Amino acid sequence: MLGTFGGALEARKIDASDGRLTAHVRGEVEHEDGGLVIRRIHVDFTLRASEVDRGTVDRVHGFFAQKCPVYRSVEKAIQITSSYTLVP
């Protein structure tokens, strides 16, 4: 998801390279039938960018997951959410 979000931002001239875009990922696991199953994943992105770019970042954040092969591969089995923080 990080690569897809970053690529979509870069396509819109928002620099996401060199550590400007990072992600912290948290998974929630439950016991099922004697084993562990991942039920939920939350990805919290941090982007160093100008406040001027917030509208574009909001728009990209609203659709990028549907373009991500990993998200599309697992979304039916695992609830995946994301958020972002813009840091000037």
PDB file of N, CA and C in Angstrom:
ATOM      1  N   MET A   1       0.820  -1.189   0.000  1.00  0.00           N
ATOM      2  CA  MET A   1       0.000   0.000   0.000  1.00  0.00           C
ATOM      3  C   MET A   1       0.866   1.256   0.000  1.00  0.00           C
ATOM      4  N   LEU A   2       1.995   1.196   0.676  1.00  0.00           N
ATOM      5  CA  LEU A   2       2.891   2.351   0.728  1.00  0.00           C
ATOM      6  C   LEU A   2       3.346   2.740  -0.675  1.00  0.00           C
ATOM      7  N   GLY A   3       3.728   1.764  -1.460  1.00  0.00           N
ATOM      8  CA  GLY A   3       4.194   2.040  -2.815  1.00  0.00           C
ATOM      9  C   GLY A   3       3.098   2.595  -3.709  1.00  0.00           C
ATOM     10  N   THR A   4       1.901   2.074  -3.573  1.00  0.00           N
ATOM     11  CA  THR A   4       0.785   2.552  -4.386  1.00  0.00           C
ATOM     12  C   THR A   4       0.410   3.975  -4.005  1.00  0.00           C
ATOM     13  N   PHE A   5       0.336   4.249  -2.705  1.00  0.00           N
ATOM     14  CA  PHE A   5       0.019   5.602  -2.242  1.00  0.00           C
ATOM     15  C   PHE A   5       1.115   6.571  -2.698  1.00  0.00           C
ATOM     16  N   GLY A   6       2.371   6.192  -2.488  1.00  0.00           N
ATOM     17  CA  GLY A   6       3.484   7.035  -2.896  1.00  0.00           C
ATOM     18  C   GLY A   6       3.510   7.274  -4.392  1.00  0.00           C
ATOM     19  N   GLY A   7       3.263   6.243  -5.167  1.00  0.00           N
ATOM     20  CA  GLY A   7       3.249   6.384  -6.619  1.00  0.00           C
ATOM     21  C   GLY A   7       2.146   7.307  -7.092  1.00  0.00           C
ATOM     22  N   ALA A   8       0.979   7.205  -6.472  1.00  0.00           N
ATOM     23  CA  ALA A   8      -0.142   8.072  -6.840  1.00  0.00           C
ATOM     24  C   ALA A   8       0.155   9.526  -6.472  1.00  0.00           C
ATOM     25  N   LEU A   9       0.819   9.725  -5.344  1.00  0.00           N
ATOM     26  CA  LEU A   9       1.210  11.084  -4.966  1.00  0.00           C
ATOM     27  C   LEU A   9       2.250  11.641  -5.939  1.00  0.00           C
ATOM     28  N   GLU A  10       3.246  10.833  -6.256  1.00  0.00           N
ATOM     29  CA  GLU A  10       4.291  11.258  -7.185  1.00  0.00           C
ATOM     30  C   GLU A  10       3.708  11.617  -8.548  1.00  0.00           C
ATOM     31  N   ALA A  11       2.717  10.857  -9.009  1.00  0.00           N
ATOM     32  CA  ALA A  11       2.077  11.138 -10.291  1.00  0.00           C
ATOM     33  C   ALA A  11       1.401  12.507 -10.293  1.00  0.00           C
ATOM     34  N   ARG A  12       1.101  13.004  -9.099  1.00  0.00           N
ATOM     35  CA  ARG A  12       0.458  14.315  -8.960  1.00  0.00           C
ATOM     36  C   ARG A  12       1.441  15.375  -8.469  1.00  0.00           C
ATOM     37  N   LYS A  13       2.737  15.068  -8.678  1.00  0.00           N
ATOM     38  CA  LYS A  13       3.825  16.012  -8.370  1.00  0.00           C
ATOM     39  C   LYS A  13       3.989  16.308  -6.879  1.00  0.00           C
ATOM     40  N   ILE A  14       3.605  15.354  -6.030  1.00  0.00           N
ATOM     41  CA  ILE A  14       3.858  15.467  -4.589  1.00  0.00           C
ATOM     42  C   ILE A  14       4.984  14.491  -4.263  1.00  0.00           C
ATOM     43  N   ASP A  15       6.107  15.003  -3.830  1.00  0.00           N
ATOM     44  CA  ASP A  15       7.294  14.187  -3.593  1.00  0.00           C
ATOM     45  C   ASP A  15       7.090  13.279  -2.378  1.00  0.00           C
ATOM     46  N   ALA A  16       7.134  11.978  -2.629  1.00  0.00           N
ATOM     47  CA  ALA A  16       6.986  10.990  -1.558  1.00  0.00           C
ATOM     48  C   ALA A  16       8.264  10.162  -1.391  1.00  0.00           C
ATOM     49  N   SER A  17       9.360  10.635  -1.991  1.00  0.00           N
ATOM     50  CA  SER A  17      10.611   9.878  -1.968  1.00  0.00           C
ATOM     51  C   SER A  17      11.476  10.248  -0.758  1.00  0.00           C
ATOM     52  N   ASP A  18      12.575   9.534  -0.629  1.00  0.00           N
ATOM     53  CA  ASP A  18      13.603   9.831   0.382  1.00  0.00           C
ATOM     54  C   ASP A  18      13.056   9.965   1.799  1.00  0.00           C
ATOM     55  N   GLY A  19      12.155   9.079   2.180  1.00  0.00           N
ATOM     56  CA  GLY A  19      11.636   9.062   3.546  1.00  0.00           C
ATOM     57  C   GLY A  19      10.541  10.076   3.828  1.00  0.00           C
ATOM     58  N   ARG A  20      10.072  10.783   2.807  1.00  0.00           N
ATOM     59  CA  ARG A  20       8.997  11.761   3.029  1.00  0.00           C
ATOM     60  C   ARG A  20       7.665  11.076   3.335  1.00  0.00           C
ATOM     61  N   LEU A  21       7.500   9.863   2.815  1.00  0.00           N
ATOM     62  CA  LEU A  21       6.295   9.076   3.097  1.00  0.00           C
ATOM     63  C   LEU A  21       6.711   7.830   3.856  1.00  0.00           C
ATOM     64  N   THR A  22       6.160   7.656   5.052  1.00  0.00           N
ATOM     65  CA  THR A  22       6.424   6.464   5.853  1.00  0.00           C
ATOM     66  C   THR A  22       5.087   5.880   6.307  1.00  0.00           C
ATOM     67  N   ALA A  23       5.137   4.666   6.812  1.00  0.00           N
ATOM     68  CA  ALA A  23       3.908   4.030   7.281  1.00  0.00           C
ATOM     69  C   ALA A  23       4.177   3.241   8.552  1.00  0.00           C
ATOM     70  N   HIS A  24       3.220   3.291   9.443  1.00  0.00           N
ATOM     71  CA  HIS A  24       3.214   2.460  10.644  1.00  0.00           C
ATOM     72  C   HIS A  24       1.997   1.550  10.483  1.00  0.00           C
ATOM     73  N   VAL A  25       2.217   0.254  10.574  1.00  0.00           N
ATOM     74  CA  VAL A  25       1.148  -0.707  10.324  1.00  0.00           C
ATOM     75  C   VAL A  25       0.847  -1.480  11.597  1.00  0.00           C
ATOM     76  N   ARG A  26      -0.438  -1.578  11.909  1.00  0.00           N
ATOM     77  CA  ARG A  26      -0.880  -2.311  13.094  1.00  0.00           C
ATOM     78  C   ARG A  26      -1.874  -3.382  12.653  1.00  0.00           C
ATOM     79  N   GLY A  27      -1.625  -4.604  13.049  1.00  0.00           N
ATOM     80  CA  GLY A  27      -2.535  -5.701  12.755  1.00  0.00           C
ATOM     81  C   GLY A  27      -3.212  -6.192  14.014  1.00  0.00           C
ATOM     82  N   GLU A  28      -4.443  -6.634  13.871  1.00  0.00           N
ATOM     83  CA  GLU A  28      -5.180  -7.214  14.991  1.00  0.00           C
ATOM     84  C   GLU A  28      -5.461  -8.672  14.668  1.00  0.00           C
ATOM     85  N   VAL A  29      -5.064  -9.525  15.590  1.00  0.00           N
ATOM     86  CA  VAL A  29      -5.121 -10.962  15.402  1.00  0.00           C
ATOM     87  C   VAL A  29      -6.118 -11.558  16.385  1.00  0.00           C
ATOM     88  N   GLU A  30      -6.863 -12.566  15.937  1.00  0.00           N
ATOM     89  CA  GLU A  30      -7.809 -13.274  16.797  1.00  0.00           C
ATOM     90  C   GLU A  30      -7.550 -14.772  16.710  1.00  0.00           C
ATOM     91  N   HIS A  31      -7.951 -15.471  17.766  1.00  0.00           N
ATOM     92  CA  HIS A  31      -7.870 -16.934  17.765  1.00  0.00           C
ATOM     93  C   HIS A  31      -9.073 -17.496  17.032  1.00  0.00           C
ATOM     94  N   GLU A  32      -8.824 -18.478  16.185  1.00  0.00           N
ATOM     95  CA  GLU A  32      -9.911 -19.163  15.484  1.00  0.00           C
ATOM     96  C   GLU A  32      -9.498 -20.603  15.226  1.00  0.00           C
ATOM     97  N   ASP A  33     -10.316 -21.532  15.646  1.00  0.00           N
ATOM     98  CA  ASP A  33     -10.071 -22.964  15.415  1.00  0.00           C
ATOM     99  C   ASP A  33      -8.663 -23.389  15.814  1.00  0.00           C
ATOM    100  N   GLY A  34      -8.205 -22.910  16.966  1.00  0.00           N
ATOM    101  CA  GLY A  34      -6.908 -23.313  17.478  1.00  0.00           C
ATOM    102  C   GLY A  34      -5.719 -22.595  16.863  1.00  0.00           C
ATOM    103  N   GLY A  35      -5.972 -21.594  16.027  1.00  0.00           N
ATOM    104  CA  GLY A  35      -4.872 -20.864  15.396  1.00  0.00           C
ATOM    105  C   GLY A  35      -5.139 -19.370  15.404  1.00  0.00           C
ATOM    106  N   LEU A  36      -4.187 -18.638  14.922  1.00  0.00           N
ATOM    107  CA  LEU A  36      -4.309 -17.186  14.864  1.00  0.00           C
ATOM    108  C   LEU A  36      -4.716 -16.752  13.451  1.00  0.00           C
ATOM    109  N   VAL A  37      -5.578 -15.749  13.385  1.00  0.00           N
ATOM    110  CA  VAL A  37      -6.051 -15.216  12.111  1.00  0.00           C
ATOM    111  C   VAL A  37      -5.975 -13.690  12.164  1.00  0.00           C
ATOM    112  N   ILE A  38      -5.402 -13.091  11.139  1.00  0.00           N
ATOM    113  CA  ILE A  38      -5.382 -11.630  11.054  1.00  0.00           C
ATOM    114  C   ILE A  38      -6.778 -11.165  10.642  1.00  0.00           C
ATOM    115  N   ARG A  39      -7.374 -10.306  11.449  1.00  0.00           N
ATOM    116  CA  ARG A  39      -8.733  -9.818  11.174  1.00  0.00           C
ATOM    117  C   ARG A  39      -8.752  -8.386  10.650  1.00  0.00           C
ATOM    118  N   ARG A  40      -7.860  -7.551  11.199  1.00  0.00           N
ATOM    119  CA  ARG A  40      -7.867  -6.132  10.845  1.00  0.00           C
ATOM    120  C   ARG A  40      -6.432  -5.631  10.714  1.00  0.00           C
ATOM    121  N   ILE A  41      -6.243  -4.728   9.751  1.00  0.00           N
ATOM    122  CA  ILE A  41      -4.956  -4.060   9.561  1.00  0.00           C
ATOM    123  C   ILE A  41      -5.245  -2.573   9.403  1.00  0.00           C
ATOM    124  N   HIS A  42      -4.479  -1.753  10.118  1.00  0.00           N
ATOM    125  CA  HIS A  42      -4.591  -0.311   9.938  1.00  0.00           C
ATOM    126  C   HIS A  42      -3.219   0.235   9.559  1.00  0.00           C
ATOM    127  N   VAL A  43      -3.189   1.007   8.490  1.00  0.00           N
ATOM    128  CA  VAL A  43      -1.957   1.624   8.011  1.00  0.00           C
ATOM    129  C   VAL A  43      -2.058   3.126   8.270  1.00  0.00           C
ATOM    130  N   ASP A  44      -1.115   3.653   9.033  1.00  0.00           N
ATOM    131  CA  ASP A  44      -1.081   5.082   9.341  1.00  0.00           C
ATOM    132  C   ASP A  44       0.121   5.682   8.627  1.00  0.00           C
ATOM    133  N   PHE A  45      -0.141   6.430   7.567  1.00  0.00           N
ATOM    134  CA  PHE A  45       0.911   7.068   6.787  1.00  0.00           C
ATOM    135  C   PHE A  45       1.289   8.406   7.406  1.00  0.00           C
ATOM    136  N   THR A  46       2.547   8.773   7.272  1.00  0.00           N
ATOM    137  CA  THR A  46       3.020  10.110   7.604  1.00  0.00           C
ATOM    138  C   THR A  46       3.690  10.655   6.353  1.00  0.00           C
ATOM    139  N   LEU A  47       3.246  11.834   5.925  1.00  0.00           N
ATOM    140  CA  LEU A  47       3.779  12.449   4.717  1.00  0.00           C
ATOM    141  C   LEU A  47       4.316  13.831   5.045  1.00  0.00           C
ATOM    142  N   ARG A  48       5.587  14.046   4.735  1.00  0.00           N
ATOM    143  CA  ARG A  48       6.163  15.384   4.850  1.00  0.00           C
ATOM    144  C   ARG A  48       5.880  16.115   3.543  1.00  0.00           C
ATOM    145  N   ALA A  49       4.959  17.062   3.599  1.00  0.00           N
ATOM    146  CA  ALA A  49       4.566  17.826   2.408  1.00  0.00           C
ATOM    147  C   ALA A  49       3.938  19.136   2.846  1.00  0.00           C
ATOM    148  N   SER A  50       3.749  20.006   1.893  1.00  0.00           N
ATOM    149  CA  SER A  50       3.174  21.317   2.161  1.00  0.00           C
ATOM    150  C   SER A  50       1.674  21.215   2.435  1.00  0.00           C
ATOM    151  N   GLU A  51       1.194  22.071   3.306  1.00  0.00           N
ATOM    152  CA  GLU A  51      -0.242  22.154   3.596  1.00  0.00           C
ATOM    153  C   GLU A  51      -1.032  22.458   2.321  1.00  0.00           C
ATOM    154  N   VAL A  52      -0.423  23.118   1.375  1.00  0.00           N
ATOM    155  CA  VAL A  52      -1.057  23.433   0.091  1.00  0.00           C
ATOM    156  C   VAL A  52      -1.496  22.152  -0.635  1.00  0.00           C
ATOM    157  N   ASP A  53      -0.776  21.058  -0.383  1.00  0.00           N
ATOM    158  CA  ASP A  53      -1.060  19.786  -1.055  1.00  0.00           C
ATOM    159  C   ASP A  53      -2.156  18.966  -0.386  1.00  0.00           C
ATOM    160  N   ARG A  54      -2.690  19.422   0.740  1.00  0.00           N
ATOM    161  CA  ARG A  54      -3.635  18.605   1.503  1.00  0.00           C
ATOM    162  C   ARG A  54      -4.841  18.149   0.672  1.00  0.00           C
ATOM    163  N   GLY A  55      -5.411  19.012  -0.129  1.00  0.00           N
ATOM    164  CA  GLY A  55      -6.574  18.629  -0.936  1.00  0.00           C
ATOM    165  C   GLY A  55      -6.265  17.479  -1.878  1.00  0.00           C
ATOM    166  N   THR A  56      -5.114  17.550  -2.521  1.00  0.00           N
ATOM    167  CA  THR A  56      -4.702  16.475  -3.433  1.00  0.00           C
ATOM    168  C   THR A  56      -4.427  15.194  -2.659  1.00  0.00           C
ATOM    169  N   VAL A  57      -3.753  15.322  -1.523  1.00  0.00           N
ATOM    170  CA  VAL A  57      -3.458  14.137  -0.704  1.00  0.00           C
ATOM    171  C   VAL A  57      -4.763  13.494  -0.225  1.00  0.00           C
ATOM    172  N   ASP A  58      -5.729  14.300   0.206  1.00  0.00           N
ATOM    173  CA  ASP A  58      -7.042  13.768   0.612  1.00  0.00           C
ATOM    174  C   ASP A  58      -7.680  12.982  -0.524  1.00  0.00           C
ATOM    175  N   ARG A  59      -7.657  13.568  -1.710  1.00  0.00           N
ATOM    176  CA  ARG A  59      -8.286  12.923  -2.869  1.00  0.00           C
ATOM    177  C   ARG A  59      -7.594  11.596  -3.182  1.00  0.00           C
ATOM    178  N   VAL A  60      -6.261  11.603  -3.209  1.00  0.00           N
ATOM    179  CA  VAL A  60      -5.494  10.387  -3.494  1.00  0.00           C
ATOM    180  C   VAL A  60      -5.746   9.339  -2.412  1.00  0.00           C
ATOM    181  N   HIS A  61      -5.761   9.770  -1.155  1.00  0.00           N
ATOM    182  CA  HIS A  61      -6.005   8.821  -0.063  1.00  0.00           C
ATOM    183  C   HIS A  61      -7.385   8.172  -0.192  1.00  0.00           C
ATOM    184  N   GLY A  62      -8.318   8.884  -0.775  1.00  0.00           N
ATOM    185  CA  GLY A  62      -9.669   8.355  -0.933  1.00  0.00           C
ATOM    186  C   GLY A  62      -9.808   7.239  -1.949  1.00  0.00           C
ATOM    187  N   PHE A  63      -8.874   7.125  -2.903  1.00  0.00           N
ATOM    188  CA  PHE A  63      -9.037   6.102  -3.940  1.00  0.00           C
ATOM    189  C   PHE A  63      -7.856   5.150  -4.114  1.00  0.00           C
ATOM    190  N   PHE A  64      -6.690   5.469  -3.565  1.00  0.00           N
ATOM    191  CA  PHE A  64      -5.493   4.708  -3.914  1.00  0.00           C
ATOM    192  C   PHE A  64      -5.591   3.224  -3.580  1.00  0.00           C
ATOM    193  N   ALA A  65      -6.269   2.870  -2.499  1.00  0.00           N
ATOM    194  CA  ALA A  65      -6.307   1.463  -2.076  1.00  0.00           C
ATOM    195  C   ALA A  65      -6.922   0.578  -3.151  1.00  0.00           C
ATOM    196  N   GLN A  66      -7.914   1.073  -3.855  1.00  0.00           N
ATOM    197  CA  GLN A  66      -8.548   0.268  -4.898  1.00  0.00           C
ATOM    198  C   GLN A  66      -7.614   0.000  -6.073  1.00  0.00           C
ATOM    199  N   LYS A  67      -6.511   0.717  -6.152  1.00  0.00           N
ATOM    200  CA  LYS A  67      -5.502   0.496  -7.199  1.00  0.00           C
ATOM    201  C   LYS A  67      -4.352  -0.389  -6.712  1.00  0.00           C
ATOM    202  N   CYS A  68      -4.352  -0.729  -5.418  1.00  0.00           N
ATOM    203  CA  CYS A  68      -3.256  -1.487  -4.811  1.00  0.00           C
ATOM    204  C   CYS A  68      -3.506  -2.994  -4.927  1.00  0.00           C
ATOM    205  N   PRO A  69      -2.596  -3.741  -5.553  1.00  0.00           N
ATOM    206  CA  PRO A  69      -2.805  -5.181  -5.703  1.00  0.00           C
ATOM    207  C   PRO A  69      -2.865  -5.937  -4.377  1.00  0.00           C
ATOM    208  N   VAL A  70      -2.089  -5.512  -3.395  1.00  0.00           N
ATOM    209  CA  VAL A  70      -2.127  -6.190  -2.091  1.00  0.00           C
ATOM    210  C   VAL A  70      -3.482  -5.967  -1.427  1.00  0.00           C
ATOM    211  N   TYR A  71      -3.933  -4.732  -1.391  1.00  0.00           N
ATOM    212  CA  TYR A  71      -5.235  -4.419  -0.805  1.00  0.00           C
ATOM    213  C   TYR A  71      -6.337  -5.217  -1.493  1.00  0.00           C
ATOM    214  N   ARG A  72      -6.334  -5.195  -2.808  1.00  0.00           N
ATOM    215  CA  ARG A  72      -7.388  -5.887  -3.558  1.00  0.00           C
ATOM    216  C   ARG A  72      -7.343  -7.396  -3.356  1.00  0.00           C
ATOM    217  N   SER A  73      -6.156  -7.924  -3.083  1.00  0.00           N
ATOM    218  CA  SER A  73      -6.011  -9.370  -2.887  1.00  0.00           C
ATOM    219  C   SER A  73      -6.566  -9.846  -1.554  1.00  0.00           C
ATOM    220  N   VAL A  74      -6.501  -9.000  -0.525  1.00  0.00           N
ATOM    221  CA  VAL A  74      -6.877  -9.459   0.810  1.00  0.00           C
ATOM    222  C   VAL A  74      -8.090  -8.758   1.412  1.00  0.00           C
ATOM    223  N   GLU A  75      -8.631  -7.745   0.753  1.00  0.00           N
ATOM    224  CA  GLU A  75      -9.699  -6.939   1.347  1.00  0.00           C
ATOM    225  C   GLU A  75     -10.947  -7.732   1.724  1.00  0.00           C
ATOM    226  N   LYS A  76     -11.222  -8.820   1.045  1.00  0.00           N
ATOM    227  CA  LYS A  76     -12.417  -9.601   1.368  1.00  0.00           C
ATOM    228  C   LYS A  76     -12.238 -10.457   2.626  1.00  0.00           C
ATOM    229  N   ALA A  77     -10.987 -10.736   2.970  1.00  0.00           N
ATOM    230  CA  ALA A  77     -10.710 -11.577   4.128  1.00  0.00           C
ATOM    231  C   ALA A  77     -10.285 -10.774   5.359  1.00  0.00           C
ATOM    232  N   ILE A  78      -9.712  -9.593   5.138  1.00  0.00           N
ATOM    233  CA  ILE A  78      -9.161  -8.798   6.237  1.00  0.00           C
ATOM    234  C   ILE A  78      -9.646  -7.358   6.079  1.00  0.00           C
ATOM    235  N   GLN A  79     -10.175  -6.796   7.140  1.00  0.00           N
ATOM    236  CA  GLN A  79     -10.586  -5.390   7.120  1.00  0.00           C
ATOM    237  C   GLN A  79      -9.325  -4.530   7.125  1.00  0.00           C
ATOM    238  N   ILE A  80      -9.150  -3.701   6.104  1.00  0.00           N
ATOM    239  CA  ILE A  80      -7.978  -2.849   5.999  1.00  0.00           C
ATOM    240  C   ILE A  80      -8.421  -1.390   5.967  1.00  0.00           C
ATOM    241  N   THR A  81      -7.857  -0.595   6.867  1.00  0.00           N
ATOM    242  CA  THR A  81      -8.143   0.822   6.918  1.00  0.00           C
ATOM    243  C   THR A  81      -6.819   1.587   6.876  1.00  0.00           C
ATOM    244  N   SER A  82      -6.926   2.862   6.543  1.00  0.00           N
ATOM    245  CA  SER A  82      -5.722   3.691   6.558  1.00  0.00           C
ATOM    246  C   SER A  82      -6.083   5.122   6.908  1.00  0.00           C
ATOM    247  N   SER A  83      -5.058   5.835   7.340  1.00  0.00           N
ATOM    248  CA  SER A  83      -5.187   7.253   7.643  1.00  0.00           C
ATOM    249  C   SER A  83      -3.834   7.877   7.312  1.00  0.00           C
ATOM    250  N   TYR A  84      -3.805   9.201   7.307  1.00  0.00           N
ATOM    251  CA  TYR A  84      -2.519   9.852   7.092  1.00  0.00           C
ATOM    252  C   TYR A  84      -2.421  11.109   7.939  1.00  0.00           C
ATOM    253  N   THR A  85      -1.183  11.465   8.213  1.00  0.00           N
ATOM    254  CA  THR A  85      -0.862  12.703   8.898  1.00  0.00           C
ATOM    255  C   THR A  85       0.067  13.487   7.979  1.00  0.00           C
ATOM    256  N   LEU A  86      -0.273  14.742   7.743  1.00  0.00           N
ATOM    257  CA  LEU A  86       0.556  15.618   6.940  1.00  0.00           C
ATOM    258  C   LEU A  86       1.448  16.428   7.868  1.00  0.00           C
ATOM    259  N   VAL A  87       2.763  16.361   7.641  1.00  0.00           N
ATOM    260  CA  VAL A  87       3.742  17.065   8.462  1.00  0.00           C
ATOM    261  C   VAL A  87       4.455  18.079   7.569  1.00  0.00           C
ATOM    262  N   PRO A  88       4.387  19.360   7.919  1.00  0.00           N
ATOM    263  CA  PRO A  88       5.047  20.376   7.084  1.00  0.00           C
ATOM    264  C   PRO A  88       6.566  20.210   7.062  1.00  0.00           C
TER     265      PRO A  88
END
